[in-house]
Amino acid sequence: MSSFETPLDLPIAGDGGVHVPVTAPEDPYRTLDDLMAVVEALCPKWPTRGTFVRADKMLL
């Protein structure tokens, strides 16, 4: 049962919003390489870590 006798043709916000053209997808490996270049620029040297003295099992 509907409160309207005839269904609406257009949704209420059908013409709303921002229309942005879809760009061609970039190569995901190039995007990852760009991201890693930024990370390397921010932290060019890995921080020093201690060794595992009592580590008989290495589990993830």
PDB file of N, CA and C in Angstrom:
ATOM      1  N   MET A   1       0.848  -1.181   0.000  1.00  0.00           N
ATOM      2  CA  MET A   1       0.000   0.000   0.000  1.00  0.00           C
ATOM      3  C   MET A   1       0.885   1.233   0.000  1.00  0.00           C
ATOM      4  N   SER A   2       0.550   2.212  -0.804  1.00  0.00           N
ATOM      5  CA  SER A   2       1.338   3.422  -0.921  1.00  0.00           C
ATOM      6  C   SER A   2       0.455   4.624  -0.637  1.00  0.00           C
ATOM      7  N   SER A   3       1.092   5.683  -0.122  1.00  0.00           N
ATOM      8  CA  SER A   3       0.323   6.892   0.144  1.00  0.00           C
ATOM      9  C   SER A   3       0.135   7.724  -1.126  1.00  0.00           C
ATOM     10  N   PHE A   4       0.874   7.392  -2.188  1.00  0.00           N
ATOM     11  CA  PHE A   4       0.717   8.070  -3.470  1.00  0.00           C
ATOM     12  C   PHE A   4      -0.126   7.205  -4.399  1.00  0.00           C
ATOM     13  N   GLU A   5      -0.968   7.857  -5.179  1.00  0.00           N
ATOM     14  CA  GLU A   5      -1.758   7.105  -6.137  1.00  0.00           C
ATOM     15  C   GLU A   5      -0.903   6.682  -7.317  1.00  0.00           C
ATOM     16  N   THR A   6       0.019   7.559  -7.763  1.00  0.00           N
ATOM     17  CA  THR A   6       0.932   7.211  -8.848  1.00  0.00           C
ATOM     18  C   THR A   6       2.358   7.291  -8.310  1.00  0.00           C
ATOM     19  N   PRO A   7       3.226   6.379  -8.710  1.00  0.00           N
ATOM     20  CA  PRO A   7       4.605   6.435  -8.208  1.00  0.00           C
ATOM     21  C   PRO A   7       5.347   7.640  -8.775  1.00  0.00           C
ATOM     22  N   LEU A   8       6.305   8.108  -7.998  1.00  0.00           N
ATOM     23  CA  LEU A   8       7.109   9.241  -8.451  1.00  0.00           C
ATOM     24  C   LEU A   8       8.066   8.771  -9.544  1.00  0.00           C
ATOM     25  N   ASP A   9       8.233   9.591 -10.566  1.00  0.00           N
ATOM     26  CA  ASP A   9       9.139   9.244 -11.658  1.00  0.00           C
ATOM     27  C   ASP A   9      10.598   9.479 -11.278  1.00  0.00           C
ATOM     28  N   LEU A  10      10.878  10.567 -10.591  1.00  0.00           N
ATOM     29  CA  LEU A  10      12.246  10.915 -10.217  1.00  0.00           C
ATOM     30  C   LEU A  10      12.397  10.869  -8.702  1.00  0.00           C
ATOM     31  N   PRO A  11      13.555  10.412  -8.232  1.00  0.00           N
ATOM     32  CA  PRO A  11      13.780  10.480  -6.791  1.00  0.00           C
ATOM     33  C   PRO A  11      13.893  11.929  -6.328  1.00  0.00           C
ATOM     34  N   ILE A  12      13.733  12.139  -5.055  1.00  0.00           N
ATOM     35  CA  ILE A  12      13.720  13.507  -4.521  1.00  0.00           C
ATOM     36  C   ILE A  12      15.056  14.198  -4.778  1.00  0.00           C
ATOM     37  N   ALA A  13      16.158  13.513  -4.580  1.00  0.00           N
ATOM     38  CA  ALA A  13      17.484  14.113  -4.756  1.00  0.00           C
ATOM     39  C   ALA A  13      18.151  13.610  -6.029  1.00  0.00           C
ATOM     40  N   GLY A  14      17.400  13.298  -7.042  1.00  0.00           N
ATOM     41  CA  GLY A  14      17.964  12.745  -8.262  1.00  0.00           C
ATOM     42  C   GLY A  14      18.875  13.697  -8.998  1.00  0.00           C
ATOM     43  N   ASP A  15      18.599  15.002  -8.930  1.00  0.00           N
ATOM     44  CA  ASP A  15      19.423  15.978  -9.641  1.00  0.00           C
ATOM     45  C   ASP A  15      20.408  16.673  -8.714  1.00  0.00           C
ATOM     46  N   GLY A  16      20.465  16.266  -7.471  1.00  0.00           N
ATOM     47  CA  GLY A  16      21.377  16.904  -6.520  1.00  0.00           C
ATOM     48  C   GLY A  16      22.770  16.316  -6.589  1.00  0.00           C
ATOM     49  N   GLY A  17      23.679  16.917  -5.842  1.00  0.00           N
ATOM     50  CA  GLY A  17      25.038  16.401  -5.759  1.00  0.00           C
ATOM     51  C   GLY A  17      25.983  17.087  -6.721  1.00  0.00           C
ATOM     52  N   VAL A  18      27.221  16.658  -6.665  1.00  0.00           N
ATOM     53  CA  VAL A  18      28.277  17.220  -7.495  1.00  0.00           C
ATOM     54  C   VAL A  18      28.593  16.219  -8.592  1.00  0.00           C
ATOM     55  N   HIS A  19      28.633  16.685  -9.806  1.00  0.00           N
ATOM     56  CA  HIS A  19      28.955  15.811 -10.924  1.00  0.00           C
ATOM     57  C   HIS A  19      30.450  15.906 -11.216  1.00  0.00           C
ATOM     58  N   VAL A  20      31.164  14.806 -11.014  1.00  0.00           N
ATOM     59  CA  VAL A  20      32.603  14.756 -11.226  1.00  0.00           C
ATOM     60  C   VAL A  20      32.876  13.745 -12.327  1.00  0.00           C
ATOM     61  N   PRO A  21      33.600  14.146 -13.359  1.00  0.00           N
ATOM     62  CA  PRO A  21      33.903  13.181 -14.421  1.00  0.00           C
ATOM     63  C   PRO A  21      34.826  12.083 -13.894  1.00  0.00           C
ATOM     64  N   VAL A  22      34.607  10.880 -14.352  1.00  0.00           N
ATOM     65  CA  VAL A  22      35.411   9.745 -13.925  1.00  0.00           C
ATOM     66  C   VAL A  22      36.727   9.771 -14.688  1.00  0.00           C
ATOM     67  N   THR A  23      37.823   9.657 -13.937  1.00  0.00           N
ATOM     68  CA  THR A  23      39.132   9.652 -14.574  1.00  0.00           C
ATOM     69  C   THR A  23      39.547   8.220 -14.883  1.00  0.00           C
ATOM     70  N   ALA A  24      40.493   8.102 -15.781  1.00  0.00           N
ATOM     71  CA  ALA A  24      41.014   6.771 -16.114  1.00  0.00           C
ATOM     72  C   ALA A  24      41.782   6.230 -14.912  1.00  0.00           C
ATOM     73  N   PRO A  25      41.636   4.948 -14.609  1.00  0.00           N
ATOM     74  CA  PRO A  25      42.336   4.405 -13.446  1.00  0.00           C
ATOM     75  C   PRO A  25      43.850   4.403 -13.667  1.00  0.00           C
ATOM     76  N   GLU A  26      44.565   4.748 -12.587  1.00  0.00           N
ATOM     77  CA  GLU A  26      46.011   4.764 -12.667  1.00  0.00           C
ATOM     78  C   GLU A  26      46.562   3.375 -12.368  1.00  0.00           C
ATOM     79  N   ASP A  27      47.810   3.193 -12.703  1.00  0.00           N
ATOM     80  CA  ASP A  27      48.482   1.943 -12.399  1.00  0.00           C
ATOM     81  C   ASP A  27      48.653   1.844 -10.882  1.00  0.00           C
ATOM     82  N   PRO A  28      48.138   0.798 -10.243  1.00  0.00           N
ATOM     83  CA  PRO A  28      48.232   0.713  -8.774  1.00  0.00           C
ATOM     84  C   PRO A  28      49.673   0.596  -8.281  1.00  0.00           C
ATOM     85  N   TYR A  29      50.565   0.005  -9.086  1.00  0.00           N
ATOM     86  CA  TYR A  29      51.963  -0.099  -8.668  1.00  0.00           C
ATOM     87  C   TYR A  29      52.660   1.254  -8.711  1.00  0.00           C
ATOM     88  N   ARG A  30      52.277   2.095  -9.656  1.00  0.00           N
ATOM     89  CA  ARG A  30      52.840   3.448  -9.698  1.00  0.00           C
ATOM     90  C   ARG A  30      52.358   4.246  -8.494  1.00  0.00           C
ATOM     91  N   THR A  31      51.096   4.089  -8.123  1.00  0.00           N
ATOM     92  CA  THR A  31      50.567   4.767  -6.956  1.00  0.00           C
ATOM     93  C   THR A  31      51.291   4.309  -5.695  1.00  0.00           C
ATOM     94  N   LEU A  32      51.529   2.997  -5.571  1.00  0.00           N
ATOM     95  CA  LEU A  32      52.258   2.462  -4.423  1.00  0.00           C
ATOM     96  C   LEU A  32      53.695   2.983  -4.403  1.00  0.00           C
ATOM     97  N   ASP A  33      54.334   3.073  -5.570  1.00  0.00           N
ATOM     98  CA  ASP A  33      55.689   3.583  -5.641  1.00  0.00           C
ATOM     99  C   ASP A  33      55.745   5.041  -5.207  1.00  0.00           C
ATOM    100  N   ASP A  34      54.757   5.835  -5.609  1.00  0.00           N
ATOM    101  CA  ASP A  34      54.697   7.232  -5.183  1.00  0.00           C
ATOM    102  C   ASP A  34      54.527   7.337  -3.674  1.00  0.00           C
ATOM    103  N   LEU A  35      53.684   6.485  -3.116  1.00  0.00           N
ATOM    104  CA  LEU A  35      53.466   6.484  -1.670  1.00  0.00           C
ATOM    105  C   LEU A  35      54.745   6.089  -0.933  1.00  0.00           C
ATOM    106  N   MET A  36      55.443   5.067  -1.430  1.00  0.00           N
ATOM    107  CA  MET A  36      56.668   4.629  -0.774  1.00  0.00           C
ATOM    108  C   MET A  36      57.764   5.686  -0.879  1.00  0.00           C
ATOM    109  N   ALA A  37      57.776   6.484  -1.946  1.00  0.00           N
ATOM    110  CA  ALA A  37      58.737   7.577  -2.066  1.00  0.00           C
ATOM    111  C   ALA A  37      58.483   8.627  -0.990  1.00  0.00           C
ATOM    112  N   VAL A  38      57.225   8.904  -0.690  1.00  0.00           N
ATOM    113  CA  VAL A  38      56.888   9.851   0.373  1.00  0.00           C
ATOM    114  C   VAL A  38      57.314   9.295   1.728  1.00  0.00           C
ATOM    115  N   VAL A  39      57.043   8.003   1.967  1.00  0.00           N
ATOM    116  CA  VAL A  39      57.426   7.384   3.240  1.00  0.00           C
ATOM    117  C   VAL A  39      58.944   7.422   3.402  1.00  0.00           C
ATOM    118  N   GLU A  40      59.677   7.133   2.341  1.00  0.00           N
ATOM    119  CA  GLU A  40      61.134   7.160   2.415  1.00  0.00           C
ATOM    120  C   GLU A  40      61.653   8.571   2.649  1.00  0.00           C
ATOM    121  N   ALA A  41      60.983   9.577   2.098  1.00  0.00           N
ATOM    122  CA  ALA A  41      61.400  10.958   2.324  1.00  0.00           C
ATOM    123  C   ALA A  41      61.165  11.368   3.779  1.00  0.00           C
ATOM    124  N   LEU A  42      60.097  10.872   4.379  1.00  0.00           N
ATOM    125  CA  LEU A  42      59.790  11.221   5.768  1.00  0.00           C
ATOM    126  C   LEU A  42      60.647  10.444   6.758  1.00  0.00           C
ATOM    127  N   CYS A  43      61.009   9.215   6.416  1.00  0.00           N
ATOM    128  CA  CYS A  43      61.793   8.367   7.307  1.00  0.00           C
ATOM    129  C   CYS A  43      62.826   7.617   6.467  1.00  0.00           C
ATOM    130  N   PRO A  44      63.961   8.263   6.134  1.00  0.00           N
ATOM    131  CA  PRO A  44      64.921   7.624   5.232  1.00  0.00           C
ATOM    132  C   PRO A  44      65.683   6.453   5.851  1.00  0.00           C
ATOM    133  N   LYS A  45      65.705   6.355   7.174  1.00  0.00           N
ATOM    134  CA  LYS A  45      66.448   5.291   7.843  1.00  0.00           C
ATOM    135  C   LYS A  45      65.502   4.539   8.771  1.00  0.00           C
ATOM    136  N   TRP A  46      65.535   3.220   8.697  1.00  0.00           N
ATOM    137  CA  TRP A  46      64.696   2.420   9.577  1.00  0.00           C
ATOM    138  C   TRP A  46      65.171   2.585  11.016  1.00  0.00           C
ATOM    139  N   PRO A  47      64.249   2.641  11.969  1.00  0.00           N
ATOM    140  CA  PRO A  47      64.671   2.742  13.370  1.00  0.00           C
ATOM    141  C   PRO A  47      65.338   1.445  13.822  1.00  0.00           C
ATOM    142  N   THR A  48      66.293   1.579  14.740  1.00  0.00           N
ATOM    143  CA  THR A  48      66.990   0.400  15.235  1.00  0.00           C
ATOM    144  C   THR A  48      66.084  -0.390  16.162  1.00  0.00           C
ATOM    145  N   ARG A  49      66.185  -1.709  16.051  1.00  0.00           N
ATOM    146  CA  ARG A  49      65.395  -2.596  16.897  1.00  0.00           C
ATOM    147  C   ARG A  49      66.334  -3.570  17.581  1.00  0.00           C
ATOM    148  N   GLY A  50      65.949  -3.973  18.761  1.00  0.00           N
ATOM    149  CA  GLY A  50      66.728  -4.957  19.479  1.00  0.00           C
ATOM    150  C   GLY A  50      66.520  -6.344  18.891  1.00  0.00           C
ATOM    151  N   THR A  51      67.416  -7.243  19.219  1.00  0.00           N
ATOM    152  CA  THR A  51      67.278  -8.618  18.745  1.00  0.00           C
ATOM    153  C   THR A  51      66.393  -9.409  19.690  1.00  0.00           C
ATOM    154  N   PHE A  52      65.856 -10.496  19.179  1.00  0.00           N
ATOM    155  CA  PHE A  52      65.019 -11.369  19.982  1.00  0.00           C
ATOM    156  C   PHE A  52      65.930 -12.369  20.694  1.00  0.00           C
ATOM    157  N   VAL A  53      66.090 -12.206  21.987  1.00  0.00           N
ATOM    158  CA  VAL A  53      67.019 -13.054  22.728  1.00  0.00           C
ATOM    159  C   VAL A  53      66.407 -14.418  22.996  1.00  0.00           C
ATOM    160  N   ARG A  54      65.229 -14.459  23.538  1.00  0.00           N
ATOM    161  CA  ARG A  54      64.592 -15.717  23.900  1.00  0.00           C
ATOM    162  C   ARG A  54      63.444 -16.040  22.938  1.00  0.00           C
ATOM    163  N   ALA A  55      63.748 -16.091  21.694  1.00  0.00           N
ATOM    164  CA  ALA A  55      62.721 -16.349  20.700  1.00  0.00           C
ATOM    165  C   ALA A  55      62.984 -17.696  20.029  1.00  0.00           C
ATOM    166  N   ASP A  56      62.412 -18.749  20.614  1.00  0.00           N
ATOM    167  CA  ASP A  56      62.565 -20.055  19.977  1.00  0.00           C
ATOM    168  C   ASP A  56      61.528 -20.275  18.886  1.00  0.00           C
ATOM    169  N   LYS A  57      60.447 -19.514  18.926  1.00  0.00           N
ATOM    170  CA  LYS A  57      59.409 -19.599  17.890  1.00  0.00           C
ATOM    171  C   LYS A  57      59.137 -18.201  17.369  1.00  0.00           C
ATOM    172  N   MET A  58      59.076 -18.080  16.082  1.00  0.00           N
ATOM    173  CA  MET A  58      58.752 -16.799  15.460  1.00  0.00           C
ATOM    174  C   MET A  58      57.372 -16.920  14.817  1.00  0.00           C
ATOM    175  N   LEU A  59      56.356 -16.457  15.517  1.00  0.00           N
ATOM    176  CA  LEU A  59      54.993 -16.549  15.036  1.00  0.00           C
ATOM    177  C   LEU A  59      54.487 -15.160  14.637  1.00  0.00           C
ATOM    178  N   LEU A  60      53.628 -15.148  13.666  1.00  0.00           N
ATOM    179  CA  LEU A  60      52.998 -13.902  13.262  1.00  0.00           C
ATOM    180  C   LEU A  60      51.753 -13.671  14.072  1.00  0.00           C
TER     181      LEU A  60
END
